[in-house]
Amino acid sequence: LWRKYLTIGDLRIKEFKEKEKRIVIQIKDFYSIPEQCSIIKGFFAQALEMVLKEKSECEEIKCFYRGDGHHEFLLTW
């Protein structure tokens, strides 16, 4: 879906641990506006809830706008 709606940034699954119920998603080369980070967090959390039918949470653990080289989001359920 990333490429369907966005023309910038490269998204990849950095970590997937089903037993620990966690996924880390990394996005590189994504330069938009800082407010976009909150929208992406909500999108990831809702998409995971739709797939798993369980409550999920998303936290941005690295952010380009906070001085990190890229964005990373931790999803848990």
Protein backbone atom coordinates (compact mmCIF):
# COMPACT_ATOMS: atom_id res chain seq x y z
CA LEU A 1 0.00 0.00 0.00
CA TRP A 2 2.90 2.39 0.65
CA ARG A 3 3.75 2.75 -3.05
CA LYS A 4 0.10 2.96 -4.01
CA TYR A 5 -0.44 6.17 -2.03
CA LEU A 6 3.03 7.67 -1.56
CA THR A 7 5.80 8.43 -4.00
CA ILE A 8 8.48 9.16 -1.40
CA GLY A 9 10.18 7.00 1.19
CA ASP A 10 11.23 3.38 1.33
CA LEU A 11 9.38 1.20 3.83
CA ARG A 12 10.65 -2.13 5.13
CA ILE A 13 9.93 -4.48 8.00
CA LYS A 14 13.04 -4.30 10.16
CA GLU A 15 11.85 -6.78 12.78
CA PHE A 16 8.92 -9.17 13.14
CA LYS A 17 8.54 -11.20 16.34
CA GLU A 18 5.19 -12.90 16.50
CA LYS A 19 5.76 -14.50 19.92
CA GLU A 20 6.72 -11.14 21.45
CA LYS A 21 3.87 -9.50 19.51
CA ARG A 22 6.02 -6.76 18.00
CA ILE A 23 6.93 -5.37 14.62
CA VAL A 24 9.45 -2.63 13.83
CA ILE A 25 8.85 -0.76 10.58
CA GLN A 26 11.63 1.40 9.15
CA ILE A 27 11.04 4.22 6.68
CA LYS A 28 13.99 5.86 4.94
CA ASP A 29 14.06 8.85 2.60
CA PHE A 30 10.72 10.16 3.86
CA TYR A 31 10.83 13.94 4.13
CA SER A 32 7.42 15.51 4.45
CA ILE A 33 6.27 17.50 7.46
CA PRO A 34 6.68 16.46 11.12
CA GLU A 35 2.90 16.20 11.59
CA GLN A 36 2.86 13.38 9.04
CA CYS A 37 4.55 11.12 11.63
CA SER A 38 1.40 11.09 13.77
CA ILE A 39 -0.74 10.23 10.78
CA ILE A 40 1.53 7.31 9.90
CA LYS A 41 1.44 6.07 13.50
CA GLY A 42 -2.34 5.99 13.43
CA PHE A 43 -2.41 4.33 10.02
CA PHE A 44 -0.06 1.53 11.11
CA ALA A 45 -1.96 0.90 14.37
CA GLN A 46 -5.33 0.77 12.64
CA ALA A 47 -4.07 -1.43 9.80
CA LEU A 48 -2.65 -3.92 12.31
CA GLU A 49 -5.91 -3.95 14.28
CA MET A 50 -7.87 -4.65 11.11
CA VAL A 51 -5.62 -7.59 10.23
CA LEU A 52 -5.24 -9.14 13.69
CA LYS A 53 -8.60 -8.16 15.19
CA GLU A 54 -6.71 -7.18 18.37
CA LYS A 55 -5.96 -3.86 20.04
CA SER A 56 -2.61 -2.52 18.86
CA GLU A 57 -0.35 0.41 19.59
CA CYS A 58 2.24 2.23 17.54
CA GLU A 59 5.14 4.28 18.87
CA GLU A 60 7.65 6.21 16.80
CA ILE A 61 11.02 5.14 18.22
CA LYS A 62 13.18 7.01 15.68
CA CYS A 63 12.29 10.16 13.79
CA PHE A 64 14.10 12.06 11.08
CA TYR A 65 12.77 15.30 12.57
CA ARG A 66 14.30 14.50 15.98
CA GLY A 67 17.73 14.05 14.44
CA ASP A 68 17.64 10.35 13.59
CA GLY A 69 18.64 9.33 10.06
CA HIS A 70 15.24 7.75 9.36
CA HIS A 71 11.88 6.88 10.93
CA GLU A 72 11.14 3.69 12.89
CA PHE A 73 7.81 2.65 14.31
CA LEU A 74 7.25 -0.04 16.95
CA LEU A 75 3.92 -1.84 16.70
CA THR A 76 2.72 -4.02 19.55
CA TRP A 77 -0.47 -5.95 20.18
